[in-house]
Amino acid sequence: KFEIVDCIFTNFHLPKSSLLLMIDSFVGDRWRRLYSEALAEGYRFLSYGDAMFLQKAVD
């Protein structure tokens, strides 16, 4: 049984990765601003980095 989610927890992924494409499909271009802010605030990326909570972009 397939279900659609409207929010996810995930970590910060590398540029040009398939996981970043998942984020883009979930929140749209907002990921660019989110990642810029995370870098400016010193968040850690990849598997042992910080996590984020994302809500689905509404069209």
PDB file of N, CA and C in Angstrom:
ATOM      1  N   LYS A   1       0.842  -1.174   0.000  1.00  0.00           N
ATOM      2  CA  LYS A   1       0.000   0.000   0.000  1.00  0.00           C
ATOM      3  C   LYS A   1       0.889   1.238   0.000  1.00  0.00           C
ATOM      4  N   PHE A   2       0.760   2.068  -1.028  1.00  0.00           N
ATOM      5  CA  PHE A   2       1.525   3.299  -1.116  1.00  0.00           C
ATOM      6  C   PHE A   2       0.785   4.430  -0.420  1.00  0.00           C
ATOM      7  N   GLU A   3       1.529   5.281   0.249  1.00  0.00           N
ATOM      8  CA  GLU A   3       0.959   6.473   0.862  1.00  0.00           C
ATOM      9  C   GLU A   3       1.861   7.653   0.559  1.00  0.00           C
ATOM     10  N   ILE A   4       1.312   8.825   0.585  1.00  0.00           N
ATOM     11  CA  ILE A   4       2.067  10.046   0.319  1.00  0.00           C
ATOM     12  C   ILE A   4       2.276  10.776   1.631  1.00  0.00           C
ATOM     13  N   VAL A   5       3.501  11.250   1.852  1.00  0.00           N
ATOM     14  CA  VAL A   5       3.801  11.988   3.079  1.00  0.00           C
ATOM     15  C   VAL A   5       3.837  13.484   2.788  1.00  0.00           C
ATOM     16  N   ASP A   6       3.623  14.291   3.822  1.00  0.00           N
ATOM     17  CA  ASP A   6       3.710  15.736   3.650  1.00  0.00           C
ATOM     18  C   ASP A   6       4.830  16.351   4.478  1.00  0.00           C
ATOM     19  N   CYS A   7       5.635  15.503   5.155  1.00  0.00           N
ATOM     20  CA  CYS A   7       6.799  15.996   5.889  1.00  0.00           C
ATOM     21  C   CYS A   7       7.812  14.862   6.047  1.00  0.00           C
ATOM     22  N   ILE A   8       9.096  15.245   6.175  1.00  0.00           N
ATOM     23  CA  ILE A   8      10.159  14.255   6.353  1.00  0.00           C
ATOM     24  C   ILE A   8      11.256  14.818   7.251  1.00  0.00           C
ATOM     25  N   PHE A   9      11.972  13.928   7.912  1.00  0.00           N
ATOM     26  CA  PHE A   9      13.226  14.250   8.583  1.00  0.00           C
ATOM     27  C   PHE A   9      14.339  13.688   7.708  1.00  0.00           C
ATOM     28  N   THR A  10      15.365  14.466   7.457  1.00  0.00           N
ATOM     29  CA  THR A  10      16.508  14.001   6.671  1.00  0.00           C
ATOM     30  C   THR A  10      17.738  14.809   7.061  1.00  0.00           C
ATOM     31  N   ASN A  11      18.888  14.379   6.588  1.00  0.00           N
ATOM     32  CA  ASN A  11      20.093  15.158   6.839  1.00  0.00           C
ATOM     33  C   ASN A  11      20.385  16.032   5.623  1.00  0.00           C
ATOM     34  N   PHE A  12      21.449  16.814   5.678  1.00  0.00           N
ATOM     35  CA  PHE A  12      21.849  17.667   4.565  1.00  0.00           C
ATOM     36  C   PHE A  12      22.714  16.848   3.614  1.00  0.00           C
ATOM     37  N   HIS A  13      22.362  16.843   2.332  1.00  0.00           N
ATOM     38  CA  HIS A  13      22.999  15.983   1.344  1.00  0.00           C
ATOM     39  C   HIS A  13      23.962  16.764   0.450  1.00  0.00           C
ATOM     40  N   LEU A  14      24.853  16.031  -0.209  1.00  0.00           N
ATOM     41  CA  LEU A  14      25.835  16.628  -1.111  1.00  0.00           C
ATOM     42  C   LEU A  14      25.180  17.186  -2.371  1.00  0.00           C
ATOM     43  N   PRO A  15      25.770  18.258  -2.930  1.00  0.00           N
ATOM     44  CA  PRO A  15      25.282  18.778  -4.216  1.00  0.00           C
ATOM     45  C   PRO A  15      25.355  17.698  -5.296  1.00  0.00           C
ATOM     46  N   LYS A  16      24.436  17.755  -6.227  1.00  0.00           N
ATOM     47  CA  LYS A  16      24.373  16.847  -7.377  1.00  0.00           C
ATOM     48  C   LYS A  16      24.138  15.383  -6.997  1.00  0.00           C
ATOM     49  N   SER A  17      23.638  15.133  -5.807  1.00  0.00           N
ATOM     50  CA  SER A  17      23.349  13.751  -5.405  1.00  0.00           C
ATOM     51  C   SER A  17      21.870  13.441  -5.644  1.00  0.00           C
ATOM     52  N   SER A  18      21.558  12.163  -5.777  1.00  0.00           N
ATOM     53  CA  SER A  18      20.160  11.771  -5.953  1.00  0.00           C
ATOM     54  C   SER A  18      19.337  12.111  -4.709  1.00  0.00           C
ATOM     55  N   LEU A  19      19.976  12.106  -3.549  1.00  0.00           N
ATOM     56  CA  LEU A  19      19.258  12.467  -2.321  1.00  0.00           C
ATOM     57  C   LEU A  19      18.871  13.943  -2.320  1.00  0.00           C
ATOM     58  N   LEU A  20      19.721  14.786  -2.893  1.00  0.00           N
ATOM     59  CA  LEU A  20      19.370  16.204  -3.000  1.00  0.00           C
ATOM     60  C   LEU A  20      18.217  16.388  -3.989  1.00  0.00           C
ATOM     61  N   LEU A  21      18.151  15.553  -5.006  1.00  0.00           N
ATOM     62  CA  LEU A  21      17.014  15.595  -5.924  1.00  0.00           C
ATOM     63  C   LEU A  21      15.716  15.261  -5.199  1.00  0.00           C
ATOM     64  N   MET A  22      15.789  14.356  -4.233  1.00  0.00           N
ATOM     65  CA  MET A  22      14.615  14.033  -3.425  1.00  0.00           C
ATOM     66  C   MET A  22      14.156  15.281  -2.660  1.00  0.00           C
ATOM     67  N   ILE A  23      15.112  16.014  -2.080  1.00  0.00           N
ATOM     68  CA  ILE A  23      14.784  17.240  -1.352  1.00  0.00           C
ATOM     69  C   ILE A  23      14.156  18.261  -2.294  1.00  0.00           C
ATOM     70  N   ASP A  24      14.743  18.420  -3.482  1.00  0.00           N
ATOM     71  CA  ASP A  24      14.210  19.355  -4.470  1.00  0.00           C
ATOM     72  C   ASP A  24      12.783  18.985  -4.862  1.00  0.00           C
ATOM     73  N   SER A  25      12.515  17.715  -5.049  1.00  0.00           N
ATOM     74  CA  SER A  25      11.158  17.299  -5.419  1.00  0.00           C
ATOM     75  C   SER A  25      10.177  17.514  -4.275  1.00  0.00           C
ATOM     76  N   PHE A  26      10.689  17.557  -3.070  1.00  0.00           N
ATOM     77  CA  PHE A  26       9.829  17.703  -1.899  1.00  0.00           C
ATOM     78  C   PHE A  26       9.530  19.163  -1.567  1.00  0.00           C
ATOM     79  N   VAL A  27      10.553  20.032  -1.600  1.00  0.00           N
ATOM     80  CA  VAL A  27      10.349  21.434  -1.198  1.00  0.00           C
ATOM     81  C   VAL A  27      10.584  22.433  -2.326  1.00  0.00           C
ATOM     82  N   GLY A  28      10.937  21.947  -3.517  1.00  0.00           N
ATOM     83  CA  GLY A  28      11.175  22.849  -4.634  1.00  0.00           C
ATOM     84  C   GLY A  28      12.465  23.643  -4.448  1.00  0.00           C
ATOM     85  N   ASP A  29      12.519  24.810  -5.053  1.00  0.00           N
ATOM     86  CA  ASP A  29      13.728  25.642  -5.002  1.00  0.00           C
ATOM     87  C   ASP A  29      14.047  26.185  -3.611  1.00  0.00           C
ATOM     88  N   ARG A  30      13.144  26.003  -2.654  1.00  0.00           N
ATOM     89  CA  ARG A  30      13.434  26.451  -1.278  1.00  0.00           C
ATOM     90  C   ARG A  30      14.693  25.813  -0.725  1.00  0.00           C
ATOM     91  N   TRP A  31      15.087  24.637  -1.245  1.00  0.00           N
ATOM     92  CA  TRP A  31      16.266  23.951  -0.706  1.00  0.00           C
ATOM     93  C   TRP A  31      17.509  24.818  -0.828  1.00  0.00           C
ATOM     94  N   ARG A  32      17.597  25.655  -1.859  1.00  0.00           N
ATOM     95  CA  ARG A  32      18.784  26.510  -2.035  1.00  0.00           C
ATOM     96  C   ARG A  32      18.919  27.496  -0.871  1.00  0.00           C
ATOM     97  N   ARG A  33      17.822  28.120  -0.499  1.00  0.00           N
ATOM     98  CA  ARG A  33      17.844  29.060   0.631  1.00  0.00           C
ATOM     99  C   ARG A  33      18.104  28.320   1.936  1.00  0.00           C
ATOM    100  N   LEU A  34      17.477  27.170   2.103  1.00  0.00           N
ATOM    101  CA  LEU A  34      17.675  26.374   3.318  1.00  0.00           C
ATOM    102  C   LEU A  34      19.131  25.950   3.471  1.00  0.00           C
ATOM    103  N   TYR A  35      19.747  25.509   2.394  1.00  0.00           N
ATOM    104  CA  TYR A  35      21.140  25.076   2.448  1.00  0.00           C
ATOM    105  C   TYR A  35      22.081  26.255   2.674  1.00  0.00           C
ATOM    106  N   SER A  36      21.800  27.400   2.060  1.00  0.00           N
ATOM    107  CA  SER A  36      22.626  28.598   2.279  1.00  0.00           C
ATOM    108  C   SER A  36      22.598  29.013   3.741  1.00  0.00           C
ATOM    109  N   GLU A  37      21.419  29.007   4.320  1.00  0.00           N
ATOM    110  CA  GLU A  37      21.289  29.367   5.732  1.00  0.00           C
ATOM    111  C   GLU A  37      21.988  28.345   6.628  1.00  0.00           C
ATOM    112  N   ALA A  38      21.861  27.074   6.300  1.00  0.00           N
ATOM    113  CA  ALA A  38      22.526  26.024   7.086  1.00  0.00           C
ATOM    114  C   ALA A  38      24.043  26.196   7.052  1.00  0.00           C
ATOM    115  N   LEU A  39      24.600  26.490   5.881  1.00  0.00           N
ATOM    116  CA  LEU A  39      26.045  26.723   5.766  1.00  0.00           C
ATOM    117  C   LEU A  39      26.471  27.940   6.580  1.00  0.00           C
ATOM    118  N   ALA A  40      25.696  29.020   6.485  1.00  0.00           N
ATOM    119  CA  ALA A  40      26.017  30.252   7.216  1.00  0.00           C
ATOM    120  C   ALA A  40      25.975  30.037   8.726  1.00  0.00           C
ATOM    121  N   GLU A  41      25.104  29.141   9.184  1.00  0.00           N
ATOM    122  CA  GLU A  41      24.953  28.887  10.616  1.00  0.00           C
ATOM    123  C   GLU A  41      25.856  27.767  11.129  1.00  0.00           C
ATOM    124  N   GLY A  42      26.654  27.175  10.245  1.00  0.00           N
ATOM    125  CA  GLY A  42      27.603  26.152  10.671  1.00  0.00           C
ATOM    126  C   GLY A  42      27.021  24.760  10.849  1.00  0.00           C
ATOM    127  N   TYR A  43      25.895  24.490  10.205  1.00  0.00           N
ATOM    128  CA  TYR A  43      25.325  23.146  10.285  1.00  0.00           C
ATOM    129  C   TYR A  43      26.272  22.152   9.627  1.00  0.00           C
ATOM    130  N   ARG A  44      26.233  20.919  10.097  1.00  0.00           N
ATOM    131  CA  ARG A  44      27.080  19.862   9.540  1.00  0.00           C
ATOM    132  C   ARG A  44      26.282  19.044   8.534  1.00  0.00           C
ATOM    133  N   PHE A  45      26.955  18.607   7.487  1.00  0.00           N
ATOM    134  CA  PHE A  45      26.312  17.875   6.407  1.00  0.00           C
ATOM    135  C   PHE A  45      26.662  16.392   6.465  1.00  0.00           C
ATOM    136  N   LEU A  46      25.988  15.602   5.654  1.00  0.00           N
ATOM    137  CA  LEU A  46      26.199  14.164   5.457  1.00  0.00           C
ATOM    138  C   LEU A  46      25.670  13.330   6.622  1.00  0.00           C
ATOM    139  N   SER A  47      26.050  12.084   6.661  1.00  0.00           N
ATOM    140  CA  SER A  47      25.447  11.098   7.565  1.00  0.00           C
ATOM    141  C   SER A  47      25.581  11.429   9.042  1.00  0.00           C
ATOM    142  N   TYR A  48      26.696  12.017   9.443  1.00  0.00           N
ATOM    143  CA  TYR A  48      26.898  12.323  10.863  1.00  0.00           C
ATOM    144  C   TYR A  48      26.657  13.798  11.161  1.00  0.00           C
ATOM    145  N   GLY A  49      25.969  14.476  10.270  1.00  0.00           N
ATOM    146  CA  GLY A  49      25.695  15.894  10.442  1.00  0.00           C
ATOM    147  C   GLY A  49      24.343  16.148  11.084  1.00  0.00           C
ATOM    148  N   ASP A  50      23.877  17.368  10.910  1.00  0.00           N
ATOM    149  CA  ASP A  50      22.606  17.792  11.484  1.00  0.00           C
ATOM    150  C   ASP A  50      21.437  17.301  10.636  1.00  0.00           C
ATOM    151  N   ALA A  51      20.288  17.191  11.264  1.00  0.00           N
ATOM    152  CA  ALA A  51      19.062  16.786  10.574  1.00  0.00           C
ATOM    153  C   ALA A  51      18.174  17.999  10.361  1.00  0.00           C
ATOM    154  N   MET A  52      17.223  17.857   9.458  1.00  0.00           N
ATOM    155  CA  MET A  52      16.248  18.918   9.222  1.00  0.00           C
ATOM    156  C   MET A  52      14.869  18.298   9.050  1.00  0.00           C
ATOM    157  N   PHE A  53      13.866  19.081   9.388  1.00  0.00           N
ATOM    158  CA  PHE A  53      12.468  18.694   9.224  1.00  0.00           C
ATOM    159  C   PHE A  53      11.924  19.503   8.059  1.00  0.00           C
ATOM    160  N   LEU A  54      11.371  18.842   7.060  1.00  0.00           N
ATOM    161  CA  LEU A  54      10.848  19.523   5.876  1.00  0.00           C
ATOM    162  C   LEU A  54       9.370  19.234   5.700  1.00  0.00           C
ATOM    163  N   GLN A  55       8.635  20.278   5.324  1.00  0.00           N
ATOM    164  CA  GLN A  55       7.228  20.106   4.978  1.00  0.00           C
ATOM    165  C   GLN A  55       7.080  20.290   3.479  1.00  0.00           C
ATOM    166  N   LYS A  56       6.206  19.510   2.887  1.00  0.00           N
ATOM    167  CA  LYS A  56       5.990  19.527   1.443  1.00  0.00           C
ATOM    168  C   LYS A  56       5.608  20.915   0.966  1.00  0.00           C
ATOM    169  N   ALA A  57       6.217  21.335  -0.143  1.00  0.00           N
ATOM    170  CA  ALA A  57       5.879  22.614  -0.759  1.00  0.00           C
ATOM    171  C   ALA A  57       4.460  22.538  -1.313  1.00  0.00           C
ATOM    172  N   VAL A  58       3.697  23.588  -1.106  1.00  0.00           N
ATOM    173  CA  VAL A  58       2.332  23.653  -1.612  1.00  0.00           C
ATOM    174  C   VAL A  58       2.346  24.509  -2.864  1.00  0.00           C
ATOM    175  N   ASP A  59       1.819  23.947  -3.962  1.00  0.00           N
ATOM    176  CA  ASP A  59       1.793  24.693  -5.236  1.00  0.00           C
ATOM    177  C   ASP A  59       0.623  25.626  -5.298  1.00  0.00           C
TER     178      ASP A  59
END
